[in-house]
Amino acid sequence: MSNLKINERIIEGIRENSKDNKVMQDFLIDLIYEEAEHLGTWWYKDIYKKRIDKCSEDWEENNEN
């Protein structure tokens, strides 16, 4: 992981604004840490696709109604 610190206010803002949606909250926080780890130019497409696929699976598991 990067030595870069993430501003805790950003993480708290995500938590406050996605209280009822844990899947989205985890997805956004995970992406922030991924971006911090790969500052500058990097090939994000494959990593983002994996994160989106996982988020979609988690979302479906939580909405089996």
C-alpha atoms as a PDB file:
ATOM      1  CA  MET A   1       0.000   0.000   0.000  1.00  0.00           C
ATOM      2  CA  SER A   2       1.090   3.557  -0.606  1.00  0.00           C
ATOM      3  CA  ASN A   3       2.659   5.685   2.135  1.00  0.00           C
ATOM      4  CA  LEU A   4       0.175   8.386   1.153  1.00  0.00           C
ATOM      5  CA  LYS A   5      -2.423   9.118   3.830  1.00  0.00           C
ATOM      6  CA  ILE A   6      -6.060   9.411   2.878  1.00  0.00           C
ATOM      7  CA  ASN A   7      -7.850  12.349   4.477  1.00  0.00           C
ATOM      8  CA  GLU A   8     -10.180  10.819   7.063  1.00  0.00           C
ATOM      9  CA  ARG A   9     -12.804  13.489   6.283  1.00  0.00           C
ATOM     10  CA  ILE A  10     -13.170  11.986   2.804  1.00  0.00           C
ATOM     11  CA  ILE A  11     -13.727   8.500   4.216  1.00  0.00           C
ATOM     12  CA  GLU A  12     -16.170   9.834   6.810  1.00  0.00           C
ATOM     13  CA  GLY A  13     -18.045  11.740   4.083  1.00  0.00           C
ATOM     14  CA  ILE A  14     -18.496   8.529   2.132  1.00  0.00           C
ATOM     15  CA  ARG A  15     -19.682   6.691   5.236  1.00  0.00           C
ATOM     16  CA  GLU A  16     -22.154   9.444   6.140  1.00  0.00           C
ATOM     17  CA  ASN A  17     -23.581   9.676   2.635  1.00  0.00           C
ATOM     18  CA  SER A  18     -23.925   5.938   2.039  1.00  0.00           C
ATOM     19  CA  LYS A  19     -25.229   4.791   5.426  1.00  0.00           C
ATOM     20  CA  ASP A  20     -27.874   2.517   3.984  1.00  0.00           C
ATOM     21  CA  ASN A  21     -25.670   1.081   1.254  1.00  0.00           C
ATOM     22  CA  LYS A  22     -22.683  -0.810   2.687  1.00  0.00           C
ATOM     23  CA  VAL A  23     -21.798  -2.301  -0.706  1.00  0.00           C
ATOM     24  CA  MET A  24     -21.426   1.137  -2.307  1.00  0.00           C
ATOM     25  CA  GLN A  25     -19.579   2.461   0.728  1.00  0.00           C
ATOM     26  CA  ASP A  26     -17.017  -0.363   0.576  1.00  0.00           C
ATOM     27  CA  PHE A  27     -16.691   0.015  -3.203  1.00  0.00           C
ATOM     28  CA  LEU A  28     -15.933   3.750  -3.064  1.00  0.00           C
ATOM     29  CA  ILE A  29     -13.487   3.464  -0.166  1.00  0.00           C
ATOM     30  CA  ASP A  30     -11.717   0.582  -1.896  1.00  0.00           C
ATOM     31  CA  LEU A  31     -11.341   2.681  -5.065  1.00  0.00           C
ATOM     32  CA  ILE A  32      -9.904   5.605  -3.112  1.00  0.00           C
ATOM     33  CA  TYR A  33      -7.235   3.393  -1.590  1.00  0.00           C
ATOM     34  CA  GLU A  34      -6.523   1.803  -4.981  1.00  0.00           C
ATOM     35  CA  GLU A  35      -6.012   5.238  -6.519  1.00  0.00           C
ATOM     36  CA  ALA A  36      -3.711   6.275  -3.668  1.00  0.00           C
ATOM     37  CA  GLU A  37      -1.644   3.164  -4.193  1.00  0.00           C
ATOM     38  CA  HIS A  38      -1.253   3.804  -7.935  1.00  0.00           C
ATOM     39  CA  LEU A  39      -0.592   7.519  -8.192  1.00  0.00           C
ATOM     40  CA  GLY A  40       0.114   8.820 -11.655  1.00  0.00           C
ATOM     41  CA  THR A  41      -0.424   6.871 -14.834  1.00  0.00           C
ATOM     42  CA  TRP A  42      -1.488   3.261 -14.449  1.00  0.00           C
ATOM     43  CA  TRP A  43      -3.707   0.771 -16.220  1.00  0.00           C
ATOM     44  CA  TYR A  44      -6.877   1.057 -14.141  1.00  0.00           C
ATOM     45  CA  LYS A  45      -9.338  -0.591 -16.551  1.00  0.00           C
ATOM     46  CA  ASP A  46      -8.824  -4.193 -15.429  1.00  0.00           C
ATOM     47  CA  ILE A  47      -8.685  -3.345 -11.724  1.00  0.00           C
ATOM     48  CA  TYR A  48     -11.821  -1.186 -11.919  1.00  0.00           C
ATOM     49  CA  LYS A  49     -13.663  -3.899 -13.855  1.00  0.00           C
ATOM     50  CA  LYS A  50     -12.843  -6.447 -11.140  1.00  0.00           C
ATOM     51  CA  ARG A  51     -14.014  -4.034  -8.431  1.00  0.00           C
ATOM     52  CA  ILE A  52     -17.252  -3.308 -10.301  1.00  0.00           C
ATOM     53  CA  ASP A  53     -17.915  -7.021 -10.843  1.00  0.00           C
ATOM     54  CA  LYS A  54     -17.381  -7.718  -7.131  1.00  0.00           C
ATOM     55  CA  CYS A  55     -19.603  -4.802  -6.149  1.00  0.00           C
ATOM     56  CA  SER A  56     -22.332  -6.088  -8.494  1.00  0.00           C
ATOM     57  CA  GLU A  57     -22.120  -9.583  -6.994  1.00  0.00           C
ATOM     58  CA  ASP A  58     -22.289  -8.207  -3.455  1.00  0.00           C
ATOM     59  CA  TRP A  59     -25.215  -6.002  -4.391  1.00  0.00           C
ATOM     60  CA  GLU A  60     -27.109  -8.961  -5.860  1.00  0.00           C
ATOM     61  CA  GLU A  61     -26.464 -11.042  -2.717  1.00  0.00           C
ATOM     62  CA  ASN A  62     -27.939  -8.281  -0.570  1.00  0.00           C
ATOM     63  CA  ASN A  63     -31.017  -7.881  -2.807  1.00  0.00           C
ATOM     64  CA  GLU A  64     -32.204 -11.461  -3.249  1.00  0.00           C
ATOM     65  CA  ASN A  65     -35.862 -10.436  -2.737  1.00  0.00           C
END
